[in-house]
């Protein structure tokens, strides 16, 4: 939809996507560190960070889906009505 109609991302969208990406990278790095080093509460810490990263991703994905859905509904209202062709 964004490409088809030439719509861009605003600054807030970019910030949310970057935040989600950073959390995902942090979760991966923490998992790798957890493989190399052992400390008390390691698994719980990794699970919590993974959970936060997953929830953030789902929220950002949901917001993007809602924006696309709103845009589709807006475009459908503005589009000319379809008429059946007679043959």
N, C-alpha and C. Protein backbone atom coordinates (compact mmCIF):
# COMPACT_ATOMS: atom_id res chain seq x y z
N UNK A 1 0.83 -1.18 0.00
CA UNK A 1 0.00 0.00 0.00
C UNK A 1 0.88 1.25 0.00
N UNK A 2 1.91 1.24 0.85
CA UNK A 2 2.78 2.41 0.92
C UNK A 2 3.49 2.65 -0.42
N UNK A 3 3.96 1.59 -1.03
CA UNK A 3 4.66 1.73 -2.30
C UNK A 3 3.70 2.09 -3.42
N UNK A 4 2.52 1.48 -3.41
CA UNK A 4 1.55 1.69 -4.47
C UNK A 4 1.09 3.14 -4.53
N UNK A 5 0.88 3.75 -3.38
CA UNK A 5 0.39 5.12 -3.33
C UNK A 5 1.46 6.14 -2.98
N UNK A 6 2.71 5.73 -2.89
CA UNK A 6 3.80 6.64 -2.62
C UNK A 6 3.77 7.24 -1.23
N UNK A 7 3.30 6.46 -0.26
CA UNK A 7 3.23 6.94 1.12
C UNK A 7 4.54 6.63 1.83
N UNK A 8 5.01 7.54 2.64
CA UNK A 8 6.25 7.33 3.38
C UNK A 8 5.97 7.08 4.85
N UNK A 9 7.01 6.82 5.57
CA UNK A 9 6.91 6.65 7.01
C UNK A 9 7.18 7.99 7.68
N UNK A 10 6.44 8.28 8.75
CA UNK A 10 6.76 9.50 9.47
C UNK A 10 7.84 9.19 10.51
N UNK A 11 8.34 10.22 11.17
CA UNK A 11 9.46 10.05 12.09
C UNK A 11 9.12 9.12 13.25
N UNK A 12 7.89 9.18 13.73
CA UNK A 12 7.50 8.31 14.84
C UNK A 12 7.50 6.84 14.44
N UNK A 13 7.04 6.55 13.22
CA UNK A 13 7.07 5.17 12.73
C UNK A 13 8.50 4.65 12.67
N UNK A 14 9.39 5.48 12.16
CA UNK A 14 10.80 5.08 12.05
C UNK A 14 11.39 4.83 13.44
N UNK A 15 11.06 5.69 14.40
CA UNK A 15 11.56 5.51 15.77
C UNK A 15 11.07 4.20 16.37
N UNK A 16 9.80 3.90 16.19
CA UNK A 16 9.24 2.66 16.73
C UNK A 16 9.90 1.43 16.10
N UNK A 17 10.10 1.47 14.80
CA UNK A 17 10.74 0.35 14.11
C UNK A 17 12.18 0.19 14.58
N UNK A 18 12.89 1.29 14.72
CA UNK A 18 14.28 1.23 15.20
C UNK A 18 14.36 0.70 16.63
N UNK A 19 13.44 1.14 17.47
CA UNK A 19 13.40 0.65 18.85
C UNK A 19 13.17 -0.86 18.88
N UNK A 20 12.23 -1.32 18.08
CA UNK A 20 11.95 -2.75 18.01
C UNK A 20 13.17 -3.52 17.51
N UNK A 21 13.82 -2.99 16.48
CA UNK A 21 15.02 -3.65 15.95
C UNK A 21 16.15 -3.70 16.97
N UNK A 22 16.34 -2.61 17.70
CA UNK A 22 17.38 -2.57 18.74
C UNK A 22 17.11 -3.59 19.84
N UNK A 23 15.86 -3.69 20.26
CA UNK A 23 15.50 -4.68 21.28
C UNK A 23 15.74 -6.10 20.79
N UNK A 24 15.42 -6.36 19.53
CA UNK A 24 15.66 -7.70 18.97
C UNK A 24 17.16 -7.99 18.93
N UNK A 25 17.95 -7.02 18.50
CA UNK A 25 19.41 -7.21 18.47
C UNK A 25 19.96 -7.43 19.87
N UNK A 26 19.47 -6.66 20.84
CA UNK A 26 19.91 -6.82 22.22
C UNK A 26 19.57 -8.22 22.73
N UNK A 27 18.38 -8.72 22.38
CA UNK A 27 17.98 -10.07 22.81
C UNK A 27 18.90 -11.13 22.22
N UNK A 28 19.27 -10.97 20.96
CA UNK A 28 20.18 -11.93 20.33
C UNK A 28 21.57 -11.87 20.97
N UNK A 29 22.07 -10.66 21.18
CA UNK A 29 23.39 -10.50 21.80
C UNK A 29 23.40 -11.09 23.20
N UNK A 30 22.34 -10.83 23.96
CA UNK A 30 22.24 -11.37 25.32
C UNK A 30 22.18 -12.90 25.31
N UNK A 31 21.49 -13.46 24.34
CA UNK A 31 21.44 -14.93 24.22
C UNK A 31 22.83 -15.49 23.91
N UNK A 32 23.57 -14.81 23.04
CA UNK A 32 24.94 -15.25 22.72
C UNK A 32 25.85 -15.15 23.94
N UNK A 33 25.70 -14.07 24.69
CA UNK A 33 26.49 -13.91 25.92
C UNK A 33 26.13 -15.00 26.91
N UNK A 34 24.84 -15.33 26.96
CA UNK A 34 24.38 -16.39 27.86
C UNK A 34 24.97 -17.75 27.52
N UNK A 35 25.28 -17.97 26.26
CA UNK A 35 25.91 -19.23 25.85
C UNK A 35 27.35 -19.29 26.36
N UNK A 36 28.04 -18.15 26.32
CA UNK A 36 29.45 -18.10 26.69
C UNK A 36 29.71 -18.00 28.19
N UNK A 37 28.82 -17.31 28.89
CA UNK A 37 29.03 -17.07 30.32
C UNK A 37 27.81 -17.52 31.11
N UNK A 38 28.07 -17.97 32.33
CA UNK A 38 26.99 -18.37 33.22
C UNK A 38 26.93 -17.40 34.40
N UNK A 39 25.74 -16.99 34.77
CA UNK A 39 25.54 -16.18 35.96
C UNK A 39 24.18 -16.51 36.56
N UNK A 40 23.98 -16.12 37.78
CA UNK A 40 22.71 -16.39 38.45
C UNK A 40 21.59 -15.62 37.76
N UNK A 41 20.51 -16.30 37.46
CA UNK A 41 19.36 -15.66 36.83
C UNK A 41 19.52 -15.43 35.35
N UNK A 42 20.48 -16.12 34.76
CA UNK A 42 20.78 -15.93 33.33
C UNK A 42 19.56 -16.21 32.45
N UNK A 43 18.96 -17.38 32.61
CA UNK A 43 17.83 -17.77 31.76
C UNK A 43 16.63 -16.84 31.95
N UNK A 44 16.38 -16.44 33.20
CA UNK A 44 15.25 -15.54 33.46
C UNK A 44 15.47 -14.19 32.80
N UNK A 45 16.70 -13.69 32.89
CA UNK A 45 17.04 -12.41 32.27
C UNK A 45 16.85 -12.48 30.75
N UNK A 46 17.34 -13.54 30.15
CA UNK A 46 17.22 -13.71 28.70
C UNK A 46 15.75 -13.83 28.30
N UNK A 47 14.98 -14.58 29.06
CA UNK A 47 13.55 -14.73 28.77
C UNK A 47 12.81 -13.40 28.87
N UNK A 48 13.13 -12.61 29.88
CA UNK A 48 12.46 -11.32 30.05
C UNK A 48 12.78 -10.39 28.89
N UNK A 49 14.05 -10.33 28.51
CA UNK A 49 14.43 -9.46 27.39
C UNK A 49 13.78 -9.95 26.09
N UNK A 50 13.76 -11.26 25.87
CA UNK A 50 13.09 -11.80 24.68
C UNK A 50 11.60 -11.48 24.69
N UNK A 51 10.98 -11.58 25.85
CA UNK A 51 9.55 -11.27 25.97
C UNK A 51 9.29 -9.80 25.65
N UNK A 52 10.11 -8.92 26.19
CA UNK A 52 9.95 -7.48 25.92
C UNK A 52 10.14 -7.19 24.43
N UNK A 53 11.15 -7.82 23.83
CA UNK A 53 11.40 -7.62 22.40
C UNK A 53 10.23 -8.14 21.57
N UNK A 54 9.69 -9.30 21.93
CA UNK A 54 8.56 -9.87 21.19
C UNK A 54 7.30 -9.02 21.32
N UNK A 55 7.02 -8.55 22.52
CA UNK A 55 5.83 -7.71 22.74
C UNK A 55 5.97 -6.40 21.97
N UNK A 56 7.15 -5.81 21.99
CA UNK A 56 7.38 -4.57 21.25
C UNK A 56 7.18 -4.79 19.76
N UNK A 57 7.73 -5.90 19.23
CA UNK A 57 7.56 -6.21 17.82
C UNK A 57 6.09 -6.37 17.47
N UNK A 58 5.35 -7.09 18.30
CA UNK A 58 3.92 -7.31 18.04
C UNK A 58 3.15 -5.99 18.06
N UNK A 59 3.48 -5.10 18.98
CA UNK A 59 2.81 -3.80 19.05
C UNK A 59 3.10 -2.96 17.81
N UNK A 60 4.36 -2.92 17.40
CA UNK A 60 4.74 -2.14 16.22
C UNK A 60 4.10 -2.73 14.97
N UNK A 61 4.11 -4.05 14.87
CA UNK A 61 3.49 -4.72 13.73
C UNK A 61 1.98 -4.46 13.70
N UNK A 62 1.36 -4.49 14.87
CA UNK A 62 -0.07 -4.20 14.94
C UNK A 62 -0.39 -2.77 14.53
N UNK A 63 0.44 -1.82 14.95
CA UNK A 63 0.23 -0.43 14.55
C UNK A 63 0.36 -0.26 13.04
N UNK A 64 1.35 -0.91 12.46
CA UNK A 64 1.55 -0.81 11.02
C UNK A 64 0.39 -1.43 10.26
N UNK A 65 -0.11 -2.56 10.76
CA UNK A 65 -1.25 -3.21 10.12
C UNK A 65 -2.50 -2.34 10.23
N UNK A 66 -2.70 -1.70 11.37
CA UNK A 66 -3.84 -0.80 11.55
C UNK A 66 -3.75 0.39 10.60
N UNK A 67 -2.54 0.93 10.40
CA UNK A 67 -2.37 2.05 9.48
C UNK A 67 -2.72 1.64 8.05
N UNK A 68 -2.26 0.46 7.65
CA UNK A 68 -2.56 -0.03 6.31
C UNK A 68 -4.06 -0.27 6.15
N UNK A 69 -4.69 -0.86 7.16
CA UNK A 69 -6.12 -1.11 7.11
C UNK A 69 -6.90 0.20 6.99
N UNK A 70 -6.50 1.21 7.76
CA UNK A 70 -7.16 2.52 7.68
C UNK A 70 -6.98 3.13 6.30
N UNK A 71 -5.80 3.01 5.74
CA UNK A 71 -5.53 3.56 4.41
C UNK A 71 -6.38 2.85 3.35
N UNK A 72 -6.52 1.55 3.46
CA UNK A 72 -7.35 0.80 2.50
C UNK A 72 -8.79 1.26 2.59
N UNK A 73 -9.32 1.40 3.81
CA UNK A 73 -10.71 1.84 3.98
C UNK A 73 -10.90 3.26 3.44
N UNK A 74 -9.92 4.12 3.66
CA UNK A 74 -9.99 5.49 3.15
C UNK A 74 -9.99 5.49 1.63
N UNK A 75 -9.14 4.68 1.03
CA UNK A 75 -9.06 4.61 -0.44
C UNK A 75 -10.34 4.01 -1.03
N UNK A 76 -10.95 3.05 -0.33
CA UNK A 76 -12.19 2.45 -0.82
C UNK A 76 -13.33 3.46 -0.82
N UNK A 77 -13.35 4.37 0.17
CA UNK A 77 -14.39 5.39 0.21
C UNK A 77 -14.25 6.38 -0.94
N UNK A 78 -13.00 6.70 -1.28
CA UNK A 78 -12.75 7.69 -2.32
C UNK A 78 -12.85 7.11 -3.73
N UNK A 79 -12.76 5.81 -3.86
CA UNK A 79 -12.76 5.17 -5.17
C UNK A 79 -14.18 5.24 -5.77
N UNK A 80 -14.26 5.33 -7.08
CA UNK A 80 -15.57 5.31 -7.71
C UNK A 80 -16.25 3.97 -7.49
N UNK A 81 -17.56 4.00 -7.41
CA UNK A 81 -18.31 2.76 -7.18
C UNK A 81 -18.25 1.89 -8.42
N UNK A 82 -18.19 0.60 -8.17
CA UNK A 82 -18.18 -0.35 -9.27
C UNK A 82 -19.59 -0.55 -9.80
N UNK A 83 -19.69 -0.61 -11.07
CA UNK A 83 -20.98 -0.87 -11.68
C UNK A 83 -20.87 -2.13 -12.52
N UNK A 84 -21.91 -2.90 -12.50
CA UNK A 84 -21.91 -4.14 -13.29
C UNK A 84 -22.07 -3.79 -14.76
N UNK A 85 -21.26 -4.45 -15.56
CA UNK A 85 -21.34 -4.23 -17.00
C UNK A 85 -22.45 -5.10 -17.58
N UNK A 86 -23.18 -4.52 -18.46
CA UNK A 86 -24.22 -5.29 -19.15
C UNK A 86 -23.64 -5.80 -20.46
N UNK A 87 -23.99 -7.03 -20.76
CA UNK A 87 -23.49 -7.61 -22.02
C UNK A 87 -24.62 -7.88 -22.95
